[in-house]
Protein backbone atom coordinates (compact mmCIF):
# COMPACT_ATOMS: atom_id res chain seq x y z
CA MET A 1 -17.17 42.38 8.44
CA LYS A 2 -14.11 41.30 6.54
CA PRO A 3 -14.65 39.49 3.21
CA SER A 4 -12.87 36.36 4.47
CA VAL A 5 -15.17 36.16 7.50
CA LYS A 6 -18.21 36.62 5.25
CA ARG A 7 -17.05 33.78 2.98
CA LEU A 8 -16.42 31.52 5.97
CA LEU A 9 -19.85 32.32 7.40
CA ALA A 10 -21.56 31.70 4.04
CA THR A 11 -19.72 28.40 3.58
CA THR A 12 -20.59 27.24 7.09
CA LEU A 13 -24.26 28.12 6.69
CA SER A 14 -24.57 26.48 3.29
CA THR A 15 -22.89 23.32 4.59
CA ALA A 16 -25.24 23.22 7.57
CA ILE A 17 -28.28 23.64 5.31
CA ILE A 18 -27.14 20.92 2.91
CA PHE A 19 -26.42 18.43 5.69
CA SER A 20 -29.69 19.17 7.51
CA VAL A 21 -31.60 18.29 4.32
CA THR A 22 -29.57 15.24 3.26
CA SER A 23 -28.91 13.67 6.67
CA PRO A 24 -32.42 12.19 7.15
CA VAL A 25 -32.30 10.73 3.64
CA PHE A 26 -28.98 8.97 4.16
CA ALA A 27 -29.85 7.88 7.71
CA ASN A 28 -32.52 5.51 6.35
CA VAL A 29 -30.26 3.81 3.81
CA VAL A 30 -30.12 0.02 4.22
CA PRO A 31 -26.85 -1.68 3.24
CA THR A 32 -27.03 -4.28 0.51
CA ALA A 33 -25.89 -7.86 0.88
CA THR A 34 -22.76 -7.44 -1.26
CA THR A 35 -20.35 -6.70 1.55
CA PRO A 36 -17.05 -8.59 1.37
CA SER A 37 -18.08 -10.80 4.29
CA SER A 38 -21.26 -11.98 2.55
CA PHE A 39 -19.89 -12.07 -0.98
CA ASP A 40 -20.40 -15.43 -2.70
CA ASN A 41 -16.99 -16.80 -3.70
CA SER A 42 -18.29 -20.02 -5.25
CA ASN A 43 -18.56 -18.63 -8.80
CA LEU A 44 -15.06 -17.14 -8.86
CA SER A 45 -11.97 -18.75 -10.30
CA GLU A 46 -8.99 -19.54 -8.07
CA ILE A 47 -7.12 -16.47 -9.33
CA ASP A 48 -10.06 -14.21 -8.53
CA ARG A 49 -10.36 -15.68 -5.03
CA ILE A 50 -6.66 -15.11 -4.41
CA GLU A 51 -6.95 -11.52 -5.65
CA LEU A 52 -9.89 -10.87 -3.31
CA GLU A 53 -7.89 -12.19 -0.39
CA LEU A 54 -4.78 -10.22 -1.31
CA ARG A 55 -6.81 -7.01 -1.44
CA GLN A 56 -7.68 -7.47 2.24
CA VAL A 57 -4.06 -7.44 3.43
CA ASP A 58 -2.86 -4.35 5.30
CA TYR A 59 0.30 -3.66 3.29
CA VAL A 60 1.14 -0.53 5.26
CA ASP A 61 1.31 -2.56 8.48
CA LEU A 62 3.22 -5.32 6.69
CA PHE A 63 6.05 -3.04 5.55
CA ARG A 64 6.10 -1.09 8.82
CA THR A 65 6.50 -4.33 10.78
CA VAL A 66 9.08 -5.86 8.45
CA GLY A 67 11.06 -2.60 8.25
CA THR A 68 11.07 -2.23 12.03
CA ASN A 69 12.03 -5.87 12.64
CA LEU A 70 14.96 -5.62 10.23
CA GLY A 71 16.14 -2.27 11.59
CA ILE A 72 15.53 -0.44 8.31
CA VAL A 73 13.14 2.11 9.84
CA GLU A 74 12.58 3.48 13.32
CA ALA A 75 9.84 1.93 15.44
CA SER A 76 8.30 5.34 16.13
CA GLY A 77 6.64 5.43 12.71
CA GLU A 78 7.23 9.15 12.29
CA ALA A 79 7.02 10.43 8.75
CA SER A 80 10.14 11.98 7.32
CA THR A 81 10.06 15.49 5.93
CA LEU A 82 13.08 14.95 3.70
CA GLY A 83 10.98 14.62 0.56
CA TRP A 84 11.74 10.98 -0.33
CA LYS A 85 8.60 10.68 -2.40
CA SER A 86 9.66 13.47 -4.71
CA LYS A 87 13.28 12.41 -5.10
CA ALA A 88 14.38 10.94 -8.37
CA ALA A 89 13.54 7.28 -8.80
CA LYS A 90 17.19 6.42 -9.51
CA GLU A 91 18.33 7.83 -6.16
CA ILE A 92 15.62 5.98 -4.28
CA ALA A 93 16.39 2.72 -6.08
CA LYS A 94 20.06 3.01 -5.18
CA ASP A 95 19.21 3.71 -1.52
CA LEU A 96 16.75 0.80 -1.35
CA ILE A 97 19.20 -1.60 -3.03
CA LYS A 98 21.85 -0.58 -0.51
CA LYS A 99 19.46 -1.12 2.42
CA LEU A 100 18.25 -4.47 1.12
CA LYS A 101 21.79 -5.71 0.50
CA ASN A 102 22.67 -4.79 4.09
CA VAL A 103 19.67 -6.79 5.32
CA GLY A 104 20.25 -9.80 3.06
CA SER A 105 17.90 -12.07 1.19
CA ARG A 106 17.48 -14.68 3.90
CA ALA A 107 16.53 -12.17 6.61
CA TRP A 108 14.17 -10.27 4.28
CA ASN A 109 12.41 -13.42 3.07
CA GLU A 110 12.11 -14.76 6.64
CA GLN A 111 10.47 -11.56 7.86
CA ILE A 112 8.06 -11.47 4.91
CA ALA A 113 7.20 -15.15 5.46
CA ASN A 114 6.69 -14.65 9.21
CA TYR A 115 4.34 -11.75 8.66
CA VAL A 116 2.40 -13.37 5.81
CA ASN A 117 1.94 -16.59 7.80
CA LYS A 118 0.29 -14.59 10.60
CA ILE A 119 -2.41 -13.20 8.28
CA PRO A 120 -5.52 -15.26 9.10
CA LEU A 121 -7.60 -14.57 5.98
CA LEU A 122 -5.31 -15.97 3.33
CA SER A 123 -5.41 -19.36 1.69
CA GLU A 124 -2.12 -21.12 0.99
CA GLY A 125 -2.22 -20.06 -2.68
CA ALA A 126 -2.62 -16.40 -1.72
CA LYS A 127 0.11 -16.66 0.90
CA ASP A 128 2.51 -18.21 -1.62
CA LYS A 129 1.78 -15.46 -4.16
CA LEU A 130 2.29 -12.75 -1.56
CA LYS A 131 5.57 -14.27 -0.35
CA TYR A 132 6.80 -14.51 -3.93
CA TYR A 133 5.85 -10.98 -4.98
CA LEU A 134 7.23 -9.38 -1.81
CA GLY A 135 10.32 -11.58 -1.71
CA TYR A 136 13.88 -10.32 -1.93
CA GLN A 137 14.56 -11.50 -5.49
CA VAL A 138 11.42 -9.93 -6.99
CA LEU A 139 12.00 -6.68 -5.09
CA MET A 140 15.62 -6.51 -6.28
CA GLU A 141 14.51 -7.14 -9.89
CA ALA A 142 11.99 -4.32 -9.55
CA LEU A 143 14.63 -1.99 -8.14
CA ASN A 144 16.99 -2.83 -11.01
CA VAL A 145 14.23 -1.95 -13.49
CA MET A 146 13.63 1.23 -11.50
CA LEU A 147 17.26 2.33 -11.99
CA ASN A 148 16.45 3.10 -15.63
CA PHE A 149 13.25 5.02 -14.83
CA THR A 150 12.97 8.80 -14.87
CA GLY A 151 10.37 10.25 -12.55
CA ILE A 152 9.45 10.09 -8.88
CA ALA A 153 10.08 7.08 -6.68
CA GLU A 154 6.51 5.80 -6.29
CA ASP A 155 5.87 5.90 -10.04
CA GLY A 156 9.18 4.19 -10.74
CA LEU A 157 8.57 1.39 -8.28
CA THR A 158 4.99 0.92 -9.50
CA TYR A 159 6.27 0.69 -13.09
CA ALA A 160 8.98 -1.76 -12.05
CA PHE A 161 6.55 -4.00 -10.16
CA GLU A 162 4.17 -4.03 -13.11
CA TYR A 163 7.09 -4.78 -15.45
CA ILE A 164 7.99 -7.93 -13.50
CA GLY A 165 4.39 -9.14 -13.40
CA LEU A 166 2.67 -7.75 -10.31
CA PRO A 167 -0.98 -6.79 -10.81
CA LYS A 168 -1.41 -3.01 -11.10
CA TRP A 169 -3.49 -2.63 -7.94
CA LEU A 170 -0.93 -4.53 -5.85
CA ALA A 171 2.01 -2.74 -7.50
CA GLU A 172 0.63 0.68 -6.52
CA ILE A 173 -0.07 -0.30 -2.92
CA ALA A 174 3.29 -2.02 -2.45
CA ALA A 175 5.19 0.88 -4.04
CA ARG A 176 3.54 3.45 -1.77
CA ALA A 177 4.15 1.36 1.33
CA ILE A 178 7.78 0.61 0.45
CA VAL A 179 8.61 4.23 -0.32
CA PHE A 180 6.88 5.50 2.81
CA PHE A 181 8.12 2.96 5.35
CA LEU A 182 11.47 1.74 4.07
CA LEU A 183 13.00 5.13 3.29
């Protein structure tokens, strides 16, 4: 037998042995009562409640829908192989600024507001925060900060969002979604 076939066979057998031993143990695990649906929100501050709600939003779907509605991206949702994620942050910022200027602030803000208003889980405070942070003016400020950043696009946009006041967890998610779906 070839060495590669031997390694594959050994790996397969060891995986089967490990899973045959551990499967019965994990099959009897009972979930605890700290799932998000049963989490007690009464002891949290308003900011913490808003953050919990904002973490439940599907940002990938949000930017795919907004980008498709505004004609920025194709409806097919196919990923590009042009390497946008690895391009310089300055190039990406210039491209995004150009696309957003073609769309316009009113159209962008309307699409964001329409999508955010359809999200059933959010309170009015969370919806207002989300509309503000994803609005045209905040995004343009972030892109202007990104023009002076050296590195890849996602890191630059994350840095820019954090610079203008977005929480780190939201900045990372929004940056990834924007780079993936709007370029």
